[in-house]
C-alpha atoms as a PDB file:
ATOM      1  CA  UNK A   1       7.737 -27.678  18.790  1.00  0.00           C
ATOM      2  CA  UNK A   2      10.205 -26.092  16.374  1.00  0.00           C
ATOM      3  CA  UNK A   3       7.764 -26.471  13.489  1.00  0.00           C
ATOM      4  CA  UNK A   4       5.100 -24.526  15.437  1.00  0.00           C
ATOM      5  CA  UNK A   5       7.545 -21.688  16.030  1.00  0.00           C
ATOM      6  CA  UNK A   6       8.380 -21.621  12.308  1.00  0.00           C
ATOM      7  CA  UNK A   7       4.689 -21.583  11.383  1.00  0.00           C
ATOM      8  CA  UNK A   8       4.075 -18.743  13.842  1.00  0.00           C
ATOM      9  CA  UNK A   9       7.030 -16.708  12.520  1.00  0.00           C
ATOM     10  CA  UNK A  10       6.031 -17.195   8.886  1.00  0.00           C
ATOM     11  CA  UNK A  11       2.417 -16.261   9.697  1.00  0.00           C
ATOM     12  CA  UNK A  12       3.539 -13.166  11.574  1.00  0.00           C
ATOM     13  CA  UNK A  13       5.857 -12.189   8.724  1.00  0.00           C
ATOM     14  CA  UNK A  14       3.014 -12.597   6.201  1.00  0.00           C
ATOM     15  CA  UNK A  15       0.760 -10.308   8.229  1.00  0.00           C
ATOM     16  CA  UNK A  16       3.472  -7.651   8.536  1.00  0.00           C
ATOM     17  CA  UNK A  17       4.386  -7.960   4.838  1.00  0.00           C
ATOM     18  CA  UNK A  18       0.719  -7.631   3.835  1.00  0.00           C
ATOM     19  CA  UNK A  19       0.338  -4.494   5.957  1.00  0.00           C
ATOM     20  CA  UNK A  20       3.506  -3.111   4.348  1.00  0.00           C
ATOM     21  CA  UNK A  21       2.124  -3.916   0.871  1.00  0.00           C
ATOM     22  CA  UNK A  22      -1.083  -2.020   1.692  1.00  0.00           C
ATOM     23  CA  UNK A  23       0.925   1.020   2.820  1.00  0.00           C
ATOM     24  CA  UNK A  24       2.992   0.961  -0.396  1.00  0.00           C
ATOM     25  CA  UNK A  25      -0.156   0.537  -2.487  1.00  0.00           C
ATOM     26  CA  UNK A  26      -1.964   3.493  -0.928  1.00  0.00           C
ATOM     27  CA  UNK A  27       1.158   5.673  -1.103  1.00  0.00           C
ATOM     28  CA  UNK A  28       1.225   4.929  -4.835  1.00  0.00           C
ATOM     29  CA  UNK A  29      -2.284   6.323  -5.216  1.00  0.00           C
ATOM     30  CA  UNK A  30      -1.303   9.334  -3.098  1.00  0.00           C
ATOM     31  CA  UNK A  31       1.891  10.005  -5.085  1.00  0.00           C
ATOM     32  CA  UNK A  32       0.196   9.925  -8.488  1.00  0.00           C
ATOM     33  CA  UNK A  33      -2.822  11.823  -7.195  1.00  0.00           C
ATOM     34  CA  UNK A  34      -0.634  14.661  -5.942  1.00  0.00           C
ATOM     35  CA  UNK A  35       1.450  14.503  -9.128  1.00  0.00           C
ATOM     36  CA  UNK A  36      -1.669  15.071 -11.239  1.00  0.00           C
ATOM     37  CA  UNK A  37      -2.952  17.921  -9.066  1.00  0.00           C
ATOM     38  CA  UNK A  38      -5.626  16.077  -7.113  1.00  0.00           C
ATOM     39  CA  UNK A  39      -6.611  17.476  -3.713  1.00  0.00           C
ATOM     40  CA  UNK A  40      -5.803  15.243  -0.734  1.00  0.00           C
ATOM     41  CA  UNK A  41      -8.775  14.203   1.415  1.00  0.00           C
ATOM     42  CA  UNK A  42      -7.616  11.173   3.428  1.00  0.00           C
ATOM     43  CA  UNK A  43      -5.500   8.045   3.440  1.00  0.00           C
ATOM     44  CA  UNK A  44      -6.381   4.921   5.410  1.00  0.00           C
ATOM     45  CA  UNK A  45      -4.342   1.843   6.308  1.00  0.00           C
ATOM     46  CA  UNK A  46      -6.076  -0.654   8.535  1.00  0.00           C
ATOM     47  CA  UNK A  47      -8.156   1.384  10.948  1.00  0.00           C
ATOM     48  CA  UNK A  48      -5.773   4.355  10.983  1.00  0.00           C
ATOM     49  CA  UNK A  49      -6.937   7.296   8.886  1.00  0.00           C
ATOM     50  CA  UNK A  50      -5.044  10.512   8.178  1.00  0.00           C
ATOM     51  CA  UNK A  51      -7.611  13.181   7.254  1.00  0.00           C
ATOM     52  CA  UNK A  52      -7.151  16.771   6.137  1.00  0.00           C
ATOM     53  CA  UNK A  53      -9.767  18.946   7.836  1.00  0.00           C
ATOM     54  CA  UNK A  54      -9.776  22.740   7.787  1.00  0.00           C
ATOM     55  CA  UNK A  55      -6.236  22.748   6.400  1.00  0.00           C
ATOM     56  CA  UNK A  56      -4.873  20.575   9.213  1.00  0.00           C
ATOM     57  CA  UNK A  57      -3.933  16.895   9.264  1.00  0.00           C
ATOM     58  CA  UNK A  58      -5.643  14.768  11.911  1.00  0.00           C
ATOM     59  CA  UNK A  59      -5.391  11.096  12.833  1.00  0.00           C
ATOM     60  CA  UNK A  60      -8.642   9.229  13.297  1.00  0.00           C
ATOM     61  CA  UNK A  61      -9.749   5.660  13.892  1.00  0.00           C
ATOM     62  CA  UNK A  62     -12.110   4.030  11.421  1.00  0.00           C
ATOM     63  CA  UNK A  63     -14.511   1.416  12.738  1.00  0.00           C
ATOM     64  CA  UNK A  64     -15.297   0.075   9.266  1.00  0.00           C
ATOM     65  CA  UNK A  65     -13.651  -3.183   8.256  1.00  0.00           C
ATOM     66  CA  UNK A  66     -14.760  -2.968   4.634  1.00  0.00           C
ATOM     67  CA  UNK A  67     -11.367  -1.851   3.306  1.00  0.00           C
ATOM     68  CA  UNK A  68      -7.793  -2.587   4.332  1.00  0.00           C
ATOM     69  CA  UNK A  69      -6.592   0.623   2.696  1.00  0.00           C
ATOM     70  CA  UNK A  70      -8.016   3.640   0.964  1.00  0.00           C
ATOM     71  CA  UNK A  71      -6.699   6.873  -0.529  1.00  0.00           C
ATOM     72  CA  UNK A  72      -9.327   9.507  -1.178  1.00  0.00           C
ATOM     73  CA  UNK A  73      -8.506  12.479  -3.370  1.00  0.00           C
ATOM     74  CA  UNK A  74     -10.583  15.047  -5.201  1.00  0.00           C
ATOM     75  CA  UNK A  75      -9.822  15.556  -8.904  1.00  0.00           C
ATOM     76  CA  UNK A  76      -9.744  18.951 -10.555  1.00  0.00           C
ATOM     77  CA  UNK A  77     -12.645  20.016 -12.721  1.00  0.00           C
ATOM     78  CA  UNK A  78     -10.758  19.413 -15.988  1.00  0.00           C
ATOM     79  CA  UNK A  79     -11.904  15.762 -16.049  1.00  0.00           C
ATOM     80  CA  UNK A  80      -8.748  14.609 -17.813  1.00  0.00           C
ATOM     81  CA  UNK A  81      -8.963  10.797 -18.100  1.00  0.00           C
ATOM     82  CA  UNK A  82      -5.180  10.331 -18.251  1.00  0.00           C
ATOM     83  CA  UNK A  83      -4.831  11.898 -14.801  1.00  0.00           C
ATOM     84  CA  UNK A  84      -7.557   9.629 -13.473  1.00  0.00           C
ATOM     85  CA  UNK A  85      -5.801   6.595 -14.974  1.00  0.00           C
ATOM     86  CA  UNK A  86      -2.499   7.558 -13.342  1.00  0.00           C
ATOM     87  CA  UNK A  87      -4.210   7.973  -9.976  1.00  0.00           C
ATOM     88  CA  UNK A  88      -5.935   4.603 -10.274  1.00  0.00           C
ATOM     89  CA  UNK A  89      -2.829   2.764 -11.495  1.00  0.00           C
ATOM     90  CA  UNK A  90      -0.562   4.345  -8.891  1.00  0.00           C
ATOM     91  CA  UNK A  91      -1.120   1.685  -6.238  1.00  0.00           C
ATOM     92  CA  UNK A  92      -0.376  -1.257  -8.485  1.00  0.00           C
ATOM     93  CA  UNK A  93       2.619   0.510 -10.031  1.00  0.00           C
ATOM     94  CA  UNK A  94       4.143   1.175  -6.620  1.00  0.00           C
ATOM     95  CA  UNK A  95       3.555  -2.464  -5.614  1.00  0.00           C
ATOM     96  CA  UNK A  96       5.246  -3.658  -8.811  1.00  0.00           C
ATOM     97  CA  UNK A  97       8.245  -1.332  -8.387  1.00  0.00           C
ATOM     98  CA  UNK A  98       8.751  -2.376  -4.770  1.00  0.00           C
ATOM     99  CA  UNK A  99       8.391  -6.056  -5.686  1.00  0.00           C
ATOM    100  CA  UNK A 100      11.189  -5.694  -8.236  1.00  0.00           C
ATOM    101  CA  UNK A 101      13.325  -3.816  -5.706  1.00  0.00           C
ATOM    102  CA  UNK A 102      12.805  -6.533  -3.069  1.00  0.00           C
ATOM    103  CA  UNK A 103      13.612  -9.183  -5.651  1.00  0.00           C
ATOM    104  CA  UNK A 104      16.892  -7.480  -6.574  1.00  0.00           C
ATOM    105  CA  UNK A 105      17.851  -7.011  -2.919  1.00  0.00           C
ATOM    106  CA  UNK A 106      16.988 -10.642  -2.217  1.00  0.00           C
ATOM    107  CA  UNK A 107      19.132 -11.829  -5.117  1.00  0.00           C
ATOM    108  CA  UNK A 108      22.040  -9.692  -3.929  1.00  0.00           C
ATOM    109  CA  UNK A 109      21.876 -10.963  -0.348  1.00  0.00           C
ATOM    110  CA  UNK A 110      20.670 -14.511  -1.047  1.00  0.00           C
ATOM    111  CA  UNK A 111      17.404 -14.487   0.911  1.00  0.00           C
ATOM    112  CA  UNK A 112      15.074 -15.914  -1.710  1.00  0.00           C
ATOM    113  CA  UNK A 113      12.710 -17.559   0.796  1.00  0.00           C
ATOM    114  CA  UNK A 114      11.752 -14.147   2.172  1.00  0.00           C
ATOM    115  CA  UNK A 115      11.132 -12.899  -1.358  1.00  0.00           C
ATOM    116  CA  UNK A 116       8.844 -15.817  -2.086  1.00  0.00           C
ATOM    117  CA  UNK A 117       6.667 -14.833   0.884  1.00  0.00           C
ATOM    118  CA  UNK A 118       6.731 -11.141  -0.116  1.00  0.00           C
ATOM    119  CA  UNK A 119       5.750 -11.989  -3.688  1.00  0.00           C
ATOM    120  CA  UNK A 120       2.885 -14.167  -2.445  1.00  0.00           C
ATOM    121  CA  UNK A 121       1.614 -11.374  -0.181  1.00  0.00           C
ATOM    122  CA  UNK A 122       2.003  -8.802  -2.966  1.00  0.00           C
ATOM    123  CA  UNK A 123      -0.037 -10.942  -5.367  1.00  0.00           C
ATOM    124  CA  UNK A 124      -2.757 -11.318  -2.739  1.00  0.00           C
ATOM    125  CA  UNK A 125      -3.020  -7.537  -2.316  1.00  0.00           C
ATOM    126  CA  UNK A 126      -3.635  -6.902  -6.034  1.00  0.00           C
END
């Protein structure tokens, strides 16, 4: 019975960690998009979508299951490829930075088994 509880807890933790990794990933796109002057359109995590309409932010539900996360932004007309590259790399960069931070925290507090699960989930989200 104890092994079933452990399997359930690890599975639950993996689902939560994956959701957290998606949030971090999309926030990375958002951060670098705003940094490069892109216009915010929407950000989606799971079925929750934050959309800017008529200058106001609104929460919506998305019925599509095609993506786990999505950050939509509109670039400026200058077409600068470096800005586009930053926007596209933002998600992976944020995931990498947070992975290193979790690793350091895990080393400091001695919880390496949690870090192994987080690293596995992070690699799956890439």
